């Protein structure tokens, strides 16, 4: 059955206890809030989820808990890894758990070695039957994906159906990609929703991001989808200071978790060391 991914997919933070162990009890609260907010799905084990700071057994525990809590809501599982072999294995595990899609960013590699990156995605697609969300986030991967490369992936690897675009300026890159591939790949914004309004006006299908107030992003997307651009602008710009405050370099995740904690969605605002916590002054 084909799943309509259009809309907002909330990138879930991984909740921790004060001792930095996994706070499994908070995971259902996060998923339930995504449903109440009107999100189309959730994404786990991304950068927001501190996936690189999790042990393999913890990754499996978190993914399983999210999928169990989702009760049919589409779950995209992050499967980025430093090798193609491990990324494919993580995708297969996510598929066995019941994930709706997998999200894969570029592994550590020479940023100009696009043939190897193409093979990386093709081999993952050969190994798994799920749709692939390509995460284009050079700030964290160090790898640039030109629009022409993304178009080649879309033309040659049918499983590549979605792009999580986090390579600013995102609006102009959306236009460049859509000029090459049309609607063959659905493009989702990220980066905390900072560019959401302009991304939607350029043809983005929605957002995959972890802003602590997803209901705001959902409202902006819905208003744009209904053709009420003035209403979408009013909502977006009213909340943009909060979006930008959370998007601060270095402490953004700490701010996001502090907000989620104040909302009663996670038990502590803990970010795993050496991640930065939000200070009381902040």
C-alpha atoms as a PDB file:
ATOM      1  CA  UNK A   1       0.000   0.000   0.000  1.00  0.00           C
ATOM      2  CA  UNK A   2       1.399   3.392  -1.011  1.00  0.00           C
ATOM      3  CA  UNK A   3       1.760   5.840   1.877  1.00  0.00           C
ATOM      4  CA  UNK A   4       1.132   9.544   1.368  1.00  0.00           C
ATOM      5  CA  UNK A   5       4.135  11.168   3.025  1.00  0.00           C
ATOM      6  CA  UNK A   6       3.089  14.738   2.212  1.00  0.00           C
ATOM      7  CA  UNK A   7       3.071  16.883   5.357  1.00  0.00           C
ATOM      8  CA  UNK A   8       5.146  17.221   8.518  1.00  0.00           C
ATOM      9  CA  UNK A   9       7.180  14.334   9.899  1.00  0.00           C
ATOM     10  CA  UNK A  10       8.424  15.091  13.390  1.00  0.00           C
ATOM     11  CA  UNK A  11      12.068  14.245  14.018  1.00  0.00           C
ATOM     12  CA  UNK A  12      12.045  12.689  17.466  1.00  0.00           C
ATOM     13  CA  UNK A  13      14.566  13.533  20.135  1.00  0.00           C
ATOM     14  CA  UNK A  14      15.898  10.498  22.002  1.00  0.00           C
ATOM     15  CA  UNK A  15      14.905  10.983  25.647  1.00  0.00           C
ATOM     16  CA  UNK A  16      17.434  10.216  28.378  1.00  0.00           C
ATOM     17  CA  UNK A  17      17.280   9.827  32.130  1.00  0.00           C
ATOM     18  CA  UNK A  18      19.581  11.870  34.376  1.00  0.00           C
ATOM     19  CA  UNK A  19      22.179   9.082  34.170  1.00  0.00           C
ATOM     20  CA  UNK A  20      22.057   9.344  30.348  1.00  0.00           C
ATOM     21  CA  UNK A  21      20.348   5.969  29.960  1.00  0.00           C
ATOM     22  CA  UNK A  22      17.439   5.659  27.530  1.00  0.00           C
ATOM     23  CA  UNK A  23      14.178   7.030  28.931  1.00  0.00           C
ATOM     24  CA  UNK A  24      11.848   4.507  27.295  1.00  0.00           C
ATOM     25  CA  UNK A  25       8.785   5.815  29.158  1.00  0.00           C
ATOM     26  CA  UNK A  26       8.907   9.168  27.341  1.00  0.00           C
ATOM     27  CA  UNK A  27       8.952   7.713  23.824  1.00  0.00           C
ATOM     28  CA  UNK A  28       5.181   7.004  23.654  1.00  0.00           C
ATOM     29  CA  UNK A  29       4.471  10.564  24.844  1.00  0.00           C
ATOM     30  CA  UNK A  30       6.519  12.002  21.990  1.00  0.00           C
ATOM     31  CA  UNK A  31       4.799   9.819  19.416  1.00  0.00           C
ATOM     32  CA  UNK A  32       1.356  10.596  20.810  1.00  0.00           C
ATOM     33  CA  UNK A  33       2.094  14.306  20.651  1.00  0.00           C
ATOM     34  CA  UNK A  34       3.066  13.954  16.998  1.00  0.00           C
ATOM     35  CA  UNK A  35      -0.329  12.398  16.322  1.00  0.00           C
ATOM     36  CA  UNK A  36      -2.185  15.084  18.256  1.00  0.00           C
ATOM     37  CA  UNK A  37      -0.242  17.800  16.431  1.00  0.00           C
ATOM     38  CA  UNK A  38      -1.383  16.459  13.069  1.00  0.00           C
ATOM     39  CA  UNK A  39       1.992  15.163  11.896  1.00  0.00           C
ATOM     40  CA  UNK A  40       1.947  12.766   8.948  1.00  0.00           C
ATOM     41  CA  UNK A  41       4.670  10.605  10.519  1.00  0.00           C
ATOM     42  CA  UNK A  42       7.691  10.551  12.798  1.00  0.00           C
ATOM     43  CA  UNK A  43      11.409  10.035  12.210  1.00  0.00           C
ATOM     44  CA  UNK A  44      13.718   8.383  14.722  1.00  0.00           C
ATOM     45  CA  UNK A  45      17.492   7.945  14.951  1.00  0.00           C
ATOM     46  CA  UNK A  46      18.380  11.128  13.109  1.00  0.00           C
ATOM     47  CA  UNK A  47      20.778  13.889  14.132  1.00  0.00           C
ATOM     48  CA  UNK A  48      18.102  15.263  16.474  1.00  0.00           C
ATOM     49  CA  UNK A  49      17.855  11.773  17.955  1.00  0.00           C
ATOM     50  CA  UNK A  50      21.574  11.789  18.814  1.00  0.00           C
ATOM     51  CA  UNK A  51      21.926   8.579  16.807  1.00  0.00           C
ATOM     52  CA  UNK A  52      25.754   8.736  16.655  1.00  0.00           C
ATOM     53  CA  UNK A  53      25.804   8.764  20.465  1.00  0.00           C
ATOM     54  CA  UNK A  54      23.779   5.542  20.769  1.00  0.00           C
ATOM     55  CA  UNK A  55      25.101   1.998  21.054  1.00  0.00           C
ATOM     56  CA  UNK A  56      23.742  -0.483  18.498  1.00  0.00           C
ATOM     57  CA  UNK A  57      21.490  -2.171  21.063  1.00  0.00           C
ATOM     58  CA  UNK A  58      20.135   1.248  22.074  1.00  0.00           C
ATOM     59  CA  UNK A  59      19.384   2.138  18.461  1.00  0.00           C
ATOM     60  CA  UNK A  60      17.361  -1.054  18.121  1.00  0.00           C
ATOM     61  CA  UNK A  61      15.573  -0.405  21.416  1.00  0.00           C
ATOM     62  CA  UNK A  62      14.596   3.128  20.437  1.00  0.00           C
ATOM     63  CA  UNK A  63      13.452   2.202  16.916  1.00  0.00           C
ATOM     64  CA  UNK A  64      11.337  -0.670  18.207  1.00  0.00           C
ATOM     65  CA  UNK A  65       9.763   1.503  20.916  1.00  0.00           C
ATOM     66  CA  UNK A  66       8.875   4.225  18.409  1.00  0.00           C
ATOM     67  CA  UNK A  67       7.342   1.782  15.923  1.00  0.00           C
ATOM     68  CA  UNK A  68       5.377   0.021  18.655  1.00  0.00           C
ATOM     69  CA  UNK A  69       4.068   3.363  19.936  1.00  0.00           C
ATOM     70  CA  UNK A  70       3.179   4.625  16.459  1.00  0.00           C
ATOM     71  CA  UNK A  71       0.333   2.122  16.078  1.00  0.00           C
ATOM     72  CA  UNK A  72       0.315   2.375  12.294  1.00  0.00           C
ATOM     73  CA  UNK A  73       1.572   5.933  11.939  1.00  0.00           C
ATOM     74  CA  UNK A  74       4.428   5.934   9.389  1.00  0.00           C
ATOM     75  CA  UNK A  75       7.851   5.759  11.030  1.00  0.00           C
ATOM     76  CA  UNK A  76      11.041   6.600   9.170  1.00  0.00           C
ATOM     77  CA  UNK A  77      14.139   5.098  10.786  1.00  0.00           C
ATOM     78  CA  UNK A  78      17.559   6.681  10.401  1.00  0.00           C
ATOM     79  CA  UNK A  79      20.099   4.151   9.144  1.00  0.00           C
ATOM     80  CA  UNK A  80      23.148   6.267   8.362  1.00  0.00           C
ATOM     81  CA  UNK A  81      26.430   4.471   8.937  1.00  0.00           C
ATOM     82  CA  UNK A  82      30.110   4.829   8.090  1.00  0.00           C
ATOM     83  CA  UNK A  83      29.988   1.831   5.743  1.00  0.00           C
ATOM     84  CA  UNK A  84      27.524   0.639   3.117  1.00  0.00           C
ATOM     85  CA  UNK A  85      27.431  -2.812   4.714  1.00  0.00           C
ATOM     86  CA  UNK A  86      26.341  -1.479   8.107  1.00  0.00           C
ATOM     87  CA  UNK A  87      23.866   1.004   6.623  1.00  0.00           C
ATOM     88  CA  UNK A  88      22.209  -1.800   4.645  1.00  0.00           C
ATOM     89  CA  UNK A  89      22.054  -3.975   7.761  1.00  0.00           C
ATOM     90  CA  UNK A  90      20.391  -1.163   9.704  1.00  0.00           C
ATOM     91  CA  UNK A  91      17.866  -0.719   6.910  1.00  0.00           C
ATOM     92  CA  UNK A  92      17.044  -4.422   6.963  1.00  0.00           C
ATOM     93  CA  UNK A  93      16.547  -4.300  10.720  1.00  0.00           C
ATOM     94  CA  UNK A  94      14.214  -1.302  10.355  1.00  0.00           C
ATOM     95  CA  UNK A  95      12.263  -3.138   7.667  1.00  0.00           C
ATOM     96  CA  UNK A  96      11.850  -6.185   9.911  1.00  0.00           C
ATOM     97  CA  UNK A  97      10.559  -3.943  12.707  1.00  0.00           C
ATOM     98  CA  UNK A  98       7.867  -2.442  10.471  1.00  0.00           C
ATOM     99  CA  UNK A  99       9.362   0.896   9.458  1.00  0.00           C
ATOM    100  CA  UNK A 100       7.655   2.765   6.607  1.00  0.00           C
ATOM    101  CA  UNK A 101      10.924   4.167   5.220  1.00  0.00           C
ATOM    102  CA  UNK A 102      14.611   4.533   6.024  1.00  0.00           C
ATOM    103  CA  UNK A 103      16.670   7.715   6.057  1.00  0.00           C
ATOM    104  CA  UNK A 104      20.304   7.584   4.962  1.00  0.00           C
ATOM    105  CA  UNK A 105      22.834  10.422   4.830  1.00  0.00           C
ATOM    106  CA  UNK A 106      26.217  10.229   3.138  1.00  0.00           C
ATOM    107  CA  UNK A 107      28.896   8.261   5.017  1.00  0.00           C
ATOM    108  CA  UNK A 108      32.282   9.808   5.840  1.00  0.00           C
ATOM    109  CA  UNK A 109      34.091  10.023   2.517  1.00  0.00           C
ATOM    110  CA  UNK A 110      35.801  12.407   0.125  1.00  0.00           C
ATOM    111  CA  UNK A 111      33.158  15.002  -0.648  1.00  0.00           C
ATOM    112  CA  UNK A 112      33.898  14.847  -4.368  1.00  0.00           C
ATOM    113  CA  UNK A 113      33.634  11.048  -4.659  1.00  0.00           C
ATOM    114  CA  UNK A 114      30.080  11.032  -5.984  1.00  0.00           C
ATOM    115  CA  UNK A 115      30.436   7.707  -7.877  1.00  0.00           C
ATOM    116  CA  UNK A 116      31.104   5.951  -4.567  1.00  0.00           C
ATOM    117  CA  UNK A 117      28.157   7.740  -2.967  1.00  0.00           C
ATOM    118  CA  UNK A 118      25.912   6.657  -5.856  1.00  0.00           C
ATOM    119  CA  UNK A 119      27.009   3.046  -5.329  1.00  0.00           C
ATOM    120  CA  UNK A 120      26.333   3.440  -1.594  1.00  0.00           C
ATOM    121  CA  UNK A 121      22.669   4.259  -2.231  1.00  0.00           C
ATOM    122  CA  UNK A 122      22.263   1.727  -5.022  1.00  0.00           C
ATOM    123  CA  UNK A 123      23.570  -1.122  -2.848  1.00  0.00           C
ATOM    124  CA  UNK A 124      21.278  -0.113   0.015  1.00  0.00           C
ATOM    125  CA  UNK A 125      18.325  -0.030  -2.382  1.00  0.00           C
ATOM    126  CA  UNK A 126      19.235  -3.509  -3.627  1.00  0.00           C
ATOM    127  CA  UNK A 127      19.263  -4.814  -0.049  1.00  0.00           C
ATOM    128  CA  UNK A 128      15.981  -3.415   1.274  1.00  0.00           C
ATOM    129  CA  UNK A 129      12.403  -3.104   0.005  1.00  0.00           C
ATOM    130  CA  UNK A 130      11.614   0.174   1.766  1.00  0.00           C
ATOM    131  CA  UNK A 131      11.539   3.691   0.296  1.00  0.00           C
ATOM    132  CA  UNK A 132      14.740   5.630   0.969  1.00  0.00           C
ATOM    133  CA  UNK A 133      14.887   9.171   2.282  1.00  0.00           C
ATOM    134  CA  UNK A 134      18.181  10.685   1.133  1.00  0.00           C
ATOM    135  CA  UNK A 135      19.382  13.167   3.730  1.00  0.00           C
ATOM    136  CA  UNK A 136      21.328  16.005   2.126  1.00  0.00           C
ATOM    137  CA  UNK A 137      23.062  17.630   5.108  1.00  0.00           C
ATOM    138  CA  UNK A 138      26.624  18.664   4.165  1.00  0.00           C
ATOM    139  CA  UNK A 139      27.079  20.586   7.419  1.00  0.00           C
ATOM    140  CA  UNK A 140      27.283  17.264   9.263  1.00  0.00           C
ATOM    141  CA  UNK A 141      28.450  14.886   6.515  1.00  0.00           C
ATOM    142  CA  UNK A 142      30.931  17.091   4.693  1.00  0.00           C
ATOM    143  CA  UNK A 143      29.570  15.717   1.393  1.00  0.00           C
ATOM    144  CA  UNK A 144      27.899  17.929  -1.202  1.00  0.00           C
ATOM    145  CA  UNK A 145      25.092  16.523  -3.362  1.00  0.00           C
ATOM    146  CA  UNK A 146      24.561  18.700  -6.451  1.00  0.00           C
ATOM    147  CA  UNK A 147      21.056  18.749  -7.959  1.00  0.00           C
ATOM    148  CA  UNK A 148      22.363  16.738 -10.918  1.00  0.00           C
ATOM    149  CA  UNK A 149      23.523  13.959  -8.590  1.00  0.00           C
ATOM    150  CA  UNK A 150      20.135  13.818  -6.864  1.00  0.00           C
ATOM    151  CA  UNK A 151      18.447  13.694 -10.271  1.00  0.00           C
ATOM    152  CA  UNK A 152      20.693  10.787 -11.295  1.00  0.00           C
ATOM    153  CA  UNK A 153      19.744   8.920  -8.112  1.00  0.00           C
ATOM    154  CA  UNK A 154      16.050   9.526  -8.739  1.00  0.00           C
ATOM    155  CA  UNK A 155      16.326   8.289 -12.321  1.00  0.00           C
ATOM    156  CA  UNK A 156      18.432   5.213 -11.567  1.00  0.00           C
ATOM    157  CA  UNK A 157      17.387   4.073  -8.071  1.00  0.00           C
ATOM    158  CA  UNK A 158      13.567   3.769  -7.851  1.00  0.00           C
ATOM    159  CA  UNK A 159      13.650   3.319  -4.076  1.00  0.00           C
ATOM    160  CA  UNK A 160      14.957   6.879  -3.689  1.00  0.00           C
ATOM    161  CA  UNK A 161      11.574   8.568  -3.373  1.00  0.00           C
ATOM    162  CA  UNK A 162      12.227  11.291  -0.812  1.00  0.00           C
ATOM    163  CA  UNK A 163      14.849  13.933  -0.096  1.00  0.00           C
ATOM    164  CA  UNK A 164      15.395  15.598   3.265  1.00  0.00           C
ATOM    165  CA  UNK A 165      17.066  18.781   2.112  1.00  0.00           C
ATOM    166  CA  UNK A 166      19.287  20.605   4.600  1.00  0.00           C
ATOM    167  CA  UNK A 167      21.735  22.337   2.286  1.00  0.00           C
ATOM    168  CA  UNK A 168      20.966  26.076   2.402  1.00  0.00           C
ATOM    169  CA  UNK A 169      19.835  28.076   0.585  1.00  0.00           C
ATOM    170  CA  UNK A 170      17.221  25.348   0.442  1.00  0.00           C
ATOM    171  CA  UNK A 171      14.510  27.173  -1.568  1.00  0.00           C
ATOM    172  CA  UNK A 172      16.751  27.699  -4.599  1.00  0.00           C
ATOM    173  CA  UNK A 173      18.040  24.111  -4.425  1.00  0.00           C
ATOM    174  CA  UNK A 174      14.450  22.836  -4.315  1.00  0.00           C
ATOM    175  CA  UNK A 175      13.715  24.712  -7.529  1.00  0.00           C
ATOM    176  CA  UNK A 176      16.887  23.397  -9.175  1.00  0.00           C
ATOM    177  CA  UNK A 177      16.056  19.795  -8.265  1.00  0.00           C
ATOM    178  CA  UNK A 178      12.414  20.064  -9.312  1.00  0.00           C
ATOM    179  CA  UNK A 179      13.486  21.507 -12.659  1.00  0.00           C
ATOM    180  CA  UNK A 180      15.422  18.271 -13.208  1.00  0.00           C
ATOM    181  CA  UNK A 181      13.132  15.607 -11.709  1.00  0.00           C
ATOM    182  CA  UNK A 182       9.688  17.195 -11.378  1.00  0.00           C
ATOM    183  CA  UNK A 183       7.661  15.319  -8.769  1.00  0.00           C
ATOM    184  CA  UNK A 184       9.648  12.090  -9.029  1.00  0.00           C
ATOM    185  CA  UNK A 185      11.235  12.832  -5.634  1.00  0.00           C
ATOM    186  CA  UNK A 186       9.263  14.473  -2.812  1.00  0.00           C
ATOM    187  CA  UNK A 187      11.416  17.094  -1.084  1.00  0.00           C
ATOM    188  CA  UNK A 188      11.156  17.841   2.627  1.00  0.00           C
ATOM    189  CA  UNK A 189      12.758  20.725   4.462  1.00  0.00           C
ATOM    190  CA  UNK A 190      14.644  20.351   7.729  1.00  0.00           C
ATOM    191  CA  UNK A 191      16.908  22.672   9.714  1.00  0.00           C
ATOM    192  CA  UNK A 192      14.329  23.239  12.437  1.00  0.00           C
ATOM    193  CA  UNK A 193      11.791  24.731  10.058  1.00  0.00           C
ATOM    194  CA  UNK A 194      13.716  27.980   9.571  1.00  0.00           C
ATOM    195  CA  UNK A 195      13.052  28.041   5.821  1.00  0.00           C
ATOM    196  CA  UNK A 196       9.735  26.176   5.800  1.00  0.00           C
ATOM    197  CA  UNK A 197       7.549  28.901   4.314  1.00  0.00           C
ATOM    198  CA  UNK A 198       9.801  29.515   1.324  1.00  0.00           C
ATOM    199  CA  UNK A 199      10.426  25.786   0.896  1.00  0.00           C
ATOM    200  CA  UNK A 200       6.700  25.146   0.598  1.00  0.00           C
ATOM    201  CA  UNK A 201       6.285  27.991  -1.881  1.00  0.00           C
ATOM    202  CA  UNK A 202       8.984  26.341  -4.049  1.00  0.00           C
ATOM    203  CA  UNK A 203       7.163  23.006  -4.054  1.00  0.00           C
ATOM    204  CA  UNK A 204       8.410  21.159  -0.975  1.00  0.00           C
ATOM    205  CA  UNK A 205       6.120  18.314   0.107  1.00  0.00           C
ATOM    206  CA  UNK A 206       6.453  19.197   3.776  1.00  0.00           C
ATOM    207  CA  UNK A 207       9.083  19.065   6.509  1.00  0.00           C
ATOM    208  CA  UNK A 208      11.089  16.487   8.406  1.00  0.00           C
ATOM    209  CA  UNK A 209      12.400  18.352  11.388  1.00  0.00           C
ATOM    210  CA  UNK A 210      12.424  18.345  15.155  1.00  0.00           C
ATOM    211  CA  UNK A 211      11.220  21.799  16.225  1.00  0.00           C
ATOM    212  CA  UNK A 212       9.753  21.406  19.707  1.00  0.00           C
ATOM    213  CA  UNK A 213       6.345  22.773  18.631  1.00  0.00           C
ATOM    214  CA  UNK A 214       5.435  20.654  15.582  1.00  0.00           C
ATOM    215  CA  UNK A 215       1.824  21.828  15.634  1.00  0.00           C
ATOM    216  CA  UNK A 216       3.055  25.214  14.382  1.00  0.00           C
ATOM    217  CA  UNK A 217       4.785  23.641  11.386  1.00  0.00           C
ATOM    218  CA  UNK A 218       1.693  21.531  10.687  1.00  0.00           C
ATOM    219  CA  UNK A 219      -0.502  24.638  10.692  1.00  0.00           C
ATOM    220  CA  UNK A 220       1.819  26.436   8.256  1.00  0.00           C
ATOM    221  CA  UNK A 221       1.843  23.404   5.942  1.00  0.00           C
ATOM    222  CA  UNK A 222      -1.944  23.020   6.075  1.00  0.00           C
ATOM    223  CA  UNK A 223      -2.591  26.679   5.332  1.00  0.00           C
ATOM    224  CA  UNK A 224      -0.223  26.564   2.361  1.00  0.00           C
ATOM    225  CA  UNK A 225      -1.843  23.350   1.119  1.00  0.00           C
ATOM    226  CA  UNK A 226      -5.258  25.064   1.331  1.00  0.00           C
ATOM    227  CA  UNK A 227      -3.994  28.035  -0.665  1.00  0.00           C
ATOM    228  CA  UNK A 228      -4.062  30.456   2.284  1.00  0.00           C
ATOM    229  CA  UNK A 229      -0.569  31.866   1.856  1.00  0.00           C
ATOM    230  CA  UNK A 230      -1.378  34.997   3.852  1.00  0.00           C
ATOM    231  CA  UNK A 231      -2.515  32.879   6.799  1.00  0.00           C
ATOM    232  CA  UNK A 232       0.585  30.703   6.513  1.00  0.00           C
ATOM    233  CA  UNK A 233       2.808  33.789   6.507  1.00  0.00           C
ATOM    234  CA  UNK A 234       1.055  35.218   9.565  1.00  0.00           C
ATOM    235  CA  UNK A 235       1.475  31.967  11.491  1.00  0.00           C
ATOM    236  CA  UNK A 236       5.070  31.414  10.401  1.00  0.00           C
ATOM    237  CA  UNK A 237       6.345  34.915  11.119  1.00  0.00           C
ATOM    238  CA  UNK A 238       4.571  35.061  14.470  1.00  0.00           C
ATOM    239  CA  UNK A 239       6.585  32.036  15.599  1.00  0.00           C
ATOM    240  CA  UNK A 240       9.806  32.612  13.677  1.00  0.00           C
ATOM    241  CA  UNK A 241      11.646  34.147  16.689  1.00  0.00           C
ATOM    242  CA  UNK A 242      11.082  30.917  18.611  1.00  0.00           C
ATOM    243  CA  UNK A 243      12.155  28.818  15.614  1.00  0.00           C
ATOM    244  CA  UNK A 244      15.354  30.870  15.298  1.00  0.00           C
ATOM    245  CA  UNK A 245      16.011  30.764  19.038  1.00  0.00           C
ATOM    246  CA  UNK A 246      15.923  26.977  18.966  1.00  0.00           C
ATOM    247  CA  UNK A 247      18.105  26.872  15.840  1.00  0.00           C
ATOM    248  CA  UNK A 248      21.149  28.373  17.563  1.00  0.00           C
ATOM    249  CA  UNK A 249      24.390  26.700  16.543  1.00  0.00           C
ATOM    250  CA  UNK A 250      25.875  24.410  19.183  1.00  0.00           C
ATOM    251  CA  UNK A 251      23.067  24.552  21.753  1.00  0.00           C
ATOM    252  CA  UNK A 252      20.006  24.060  19.561  1.00  0.00           C
ATOM    253  CA  UNK A 253      19.351  20.497  20.675  1.00  0.00           C
ATOM    254  CA  UNK A 254      19.743  21.498  24.315  1.00  0.00           C
ATOM    255  CA  UNK A 255      17.160  24.242  23.820  1.00  0.00           C
ATOM    256  CA  UNK A 256      14.832  21.842  22.012  1.00  0.00           C
ATOM    257  CA  UNK A 257      15.058  19.269  24.792  1.00  0.00           C
ATOM    258  CA  UNK A 258      14.507  21.946  27.425  1.00  0.00           C
ATOM    259  CA  UNK A 259      11.310  22.928  25.618  1.00  0.00           C
ATOM    260  CA  UNK A 260      10.174  19.311  25.306  1.00  0.00           C
ATOM    261  CA  UNK A 261      10.838  18.844  29.022  1.00  0.00           C
ATOM    262  CA  UNK A 262       8.862  21.973  29.925  1.00  0.00           C
ATOM    263  CA  UNK A 263       6.013  20.656  27.768  1.00  0.00           C
ATOM    264  CA  UNK A 264       5.966  17.442  29.805  1.00  0.00           C
ATOM    265  CA  UNK A 265       6.940  15.275  26.856  1.00  0.00           C
ATOM    266  CA  UNK A 266      10.296  14.027  28.157  1.00  0.00           C
ATOM    267  CA  UNK A 267      11.349  13.384  31.746  1.00  0.00           C
ATOM    268  CA  UNK A 268      14.634  15.304  31.596  1.00  0.00           C
ATOM    269  CA  UNK A 269      16.244  17.775  29.161  1.00  0.00           C
ATOM    270  CA  UNK A 270      19.430  15.715  29.186  1.00  0.00           C
ATOM    271  CA  UNK A 271      21.670  15.750  26.105  1.00  0.00           C
ATOM    272  CA  UNK A 272      24.310  13.035  26.083  1.00  0.00           C
ATOM    273  CA  UNK A 273      27.803  14.246  26.854  1.00  0.00           C
ATOM    274  CA  UNK A 274      29.613  15.954  25.188  1.00  0.00           C
ATOM    275  CA  UNK A 275      26.475  17.527  23.753  1.00  0.00           C
ATOM    276  CA  UNK A 276      25.698  20.993  25.098  1.00  0.00           C
ATOM    277  CA  UNK A 277      22.915  21.455  27.640  1.00  0.00           C
ATOM    278  CA  UNK A 278      20.824  24.628  27.719  1.00  0.00           C
ATOM    279  CA  UNK A 279      21.873  26.705  30.718  1.00  0.00           C
ATOM    280  CA  UNK A 280      19.408  28.365  33.060  1.00  0.00           C
ATOM    281  CA  UNK A 281      20.448  31.724  31.614  1.00  0.00           C
ATOM    282  CA  UNK A 282      19.608  30.492  28.108  1.00  0.00           C
END
